[in-house]
Amino acid sequence: MDRREFLKRLGSYGLGVAALPAAVRVFFEYEQAAFAADPSFKSKFSVEAKYYEKLPEKKTQCHLCPLHCKLSTGET
């Protein structure tokens, strides 16, 4: 393999790696939409968190790590 062929292959692999995050995001958005469509999914597989404290204004404080993050509704 000469230098030119090496650089061509390296470029094509780079484009594939660069497109990977977008492909993963599309896959997970599809999975989330599929689970959201099934109303029984949440009740079957959801468990209430143990290490948190409810705060005013629909916020939650996490006590799982030393950072004690304050999260709004929908944040992870």
C-alpha atoms as a PDB file:
ATOM      1  CA  MET A   1       0.000   0.000   0.000  1.00  0.00           C
ATOM      2  CA  ASP A   2       1.455   3.331  -1.001  1.00  0.00           C
ATOM      3  CA  ARG A   3       1.006   6.651   0.777  1.00  0.00           C
ATOM      4  CA  ARG A   4      -1.832   7.793  -1.473  1.00  0.00           C
ATOM      5  CA  GLU A   5      -3.856   4.620  -0.859  1.00  0.00           C
ATOM      6  CA  PHE A   6      -3.186   4.884   2.880  1.00  0.00           C
ATOM      7  CA  LEU A   7      -4.465   8.468   2.993  1.00  0.00           C
ATOM      8  CA  LYS A   8      -7.575   7.547   0.965  1.00  0.00           C
ATOM      9  CA  ARG A   9      -8.422   4.737   3.371  1.00  0.00           C
ATOM     10  CA  LEU A  10      -7.691   6.895   6.388  1.00  0.00           C
ATOM     11  CA  GLY A  11     -10.045   9.576   5.030  1.00  0.00           C
ATOM     12  CA  SER A  12     -12.832   7.101   4.362  1.00  0.00           C
ATOM     13  CA  TYR A  13     -12.497   5.632   7.857  1.00  0.00           C
ATOM     14  CA  GLY A  14     -12.521   9.156   9.300  1.00  0.00           C
ATOM     15  CA  LEU A  15     -15.786   9.949   7.542  1.00  0.00           C
ATOM     16  CA  GLY A  16     -17.294   6.735   8.883  1.00  0.00           C
ATOM     17  CA  VAL A  17     -16.215   7.547  12.423  1.00  0.00           C
ATOM     18  CA  ALA A  18     -17.462  11.132  12.076  1.00  0.00           C
ATOM     19  CA  ALA A  19     -20.910   9.870  10.996  1.00  0.00           C
ATOM     20  CA  LEU A  20     -21.156   7.386  13.875  1.00  0.00           C
ATOM     21  CA  PRO A  21     -22.512   9.828  16.530  1.00  0.00           C
ATOM     22  CA  ALA A  22     -25.318  10.912  14.211  1.00  0.00           C
ATOM     23  CA  ALA A  23     -26.245   7.292  13.469  1.00  0.00           C
ATOM     24  CA  VAL A  24     -26.258   6.411  17.167  1.00  0.00           C
ATOM     25  CA  ARG A  25     -28.434   9.436  17.973  1.00  0.00           C
ATOM     26  CA  VAL A  26     -30.974   8.463  15.276  1.00  0.00           C
ATOM     27  CA  PHE A  27     -31.073   4.870  16.577  1.00  0.00           C
ATOM     28  CA  PHE A  28     -31.684   5.910  20.187  1.00  0.00           C
ATOM     29  CA  GLU A  29     -34.334   8.472  19.230  1.00  0.00           C
ATOM     30  CA  TYR A  30     -36.127   5.711  17.332  1.00  0.00           C
ATOM     31  CA  GLU A  31     -35.915   3.367  20.333  1.00  0.00           C
ATOM     32  CA  GLN A  32     -37.227   6.040  22.704  1.00  0.00           C
ATOM     33  CA  ALA A  33     -40.144   6.760  20.377  1.00  0.00           C
ATOM     34  CA  ALA A  34     -40.960   3.049  20.186  1.00  0.00           C
ATOM     35  CA  PHE A  35     -40.965   2.721  23.981  1.00  0.00           C
ATOM     36  CA  ALA A  36     -42.989   5.907  24.419  1.00  0.00           C
ATOM     37  CA  ALA A  37     -45.673   4.464  22.136  1.00  0.00           C
ATOM     38  CA  ASP A  38     -46.215   1.549  24.549  1.00  0.00           C
ATOM     39  CA  PRO A  39     -47.939   2.911  27.696  1.00  0.00           C
ATOM     40  CA  SER A  40     -47.303  -0.277  29.673  1.00  0.00           C
ATOM     41  CA  PHE A  41     -43.517  -0.037  29.170  1.00  0.00           C
ATOM     42  CA  LYS A  42     -43.046   2.626  31.819  1.00  0.00           C
ATOM     43  CA  SER A  43     -45.038   0.785  34.437  1.00  0.00           C
ATOM     44  CA  LYS A  44     -43.289  -2.534  33.759  1.00  0.00           C
ATOM     45  CA  PHE A  45     -39.677  -1.385  33.723  1.00  0.00           C
ATOM     46  CA  SER A  46     -39.527   1.858  35.698  1.00  0.00           C
ATOM     47  CA  VAL A  47     -38.240   2.035  39.254  1.00  0.00           C
ATOM     48  CA  GLU A  48     -38.306   5.138  41.431  1.00  0.00           C
ATOM     49  CA  ALA A  49     -34.855   6.503  42.237  1.00  0.00           C
ATOM     50  CA  LYS A  50     -33.604   6.172  45.818  1.00  0.00           C
ATOM     51  CA  TYR A  51     -31.069   8.957  46.319  1.00  0.00           C
ATOM     52  CA  TYR A  52     -32.893  12.207  45.597  1.00  0.00           C
ATOM     53  CA  GLU A  53     -34.750  15.020  47.264  1.00  0.00           C
ATOM     54  CA  LYS A  54     -37.693  16.929  45.816  1.00  0.00           C
ATOM     55  CA  LEU A  55     -37.175  20.684  45.686  1.00  0.00           C
ATOM     56  CA  PRO A  56     -39.618  23.533  45.011  1.00  0.00           C
ATOM     57  CA  GLU A  57     -40.446  24.570  41.429  1.00  0.00           C
ATOM     58  CA  LYS A  58     -40.457  20.946  40.147  1.00  0.00           C
ATOM     59  CA  LYS A  59     -36.725  20.489  40.681  1.00  0.00           C
ATOM     60  CA  THR A  60     -34.885  17.504  42.110  1.00  0.00           C
ATOM     61  CA  GLN A  61     -31.558  17.295  43.910  1.00  0.00           C
ATOM     62  CA  CYS A  62     -29.540  14.138  43.337  1.00  0.00           C
ATOM     63  CA  HIS A  63     -27.633  12.629  46.268  1.00  0.00           C
ATOM     64  CA  LEU A  64     -25.960   9.800  44.360  1.00  0.00           C
ATOM     65  CA  CYS A  65     -22.552  11.500  44.048  1.00  0.00           C
ATOM     66  CA  PRO A  66     -20.779  14.357  45.876  1.00  0.00           C
ATOM     67  CA  LEU A  67     -21.834  16.919  43.226  1.00  0.00           C
ATOM     68  CA  HIS A  68     -25.476  16.979  44.444  1.00  0.00           C
ATOM     69  CA  CYS A  69     -26.773  18.132  41.040  1.00  0.00           C
ATOM     70  CA  LYS A  70     -30.049  20.057  40.870  1.00  0.00           C
ATOM     71  CA  LEU A  71     -32.152  18.922  37.944  1.00  0.00           C
ATOM     72  CA  SER A  72     -35.285  20.274  36.303  1.00  0.00           C
ATOM     73  CA  THR A  73     -38.031  18.049  34.975  1.00  0.00           C
ATOM     74  CA  GLY A  74     -36.775  15.920  32.080  1.00  0.00           C
ATOM     75  CA  GLU A  75     -33.063  16.437  32.709  1.00  0.00           C
ATOM     76  CA  THR A  76     -30.714  13.528  33.368  1.00  0.00           C
END
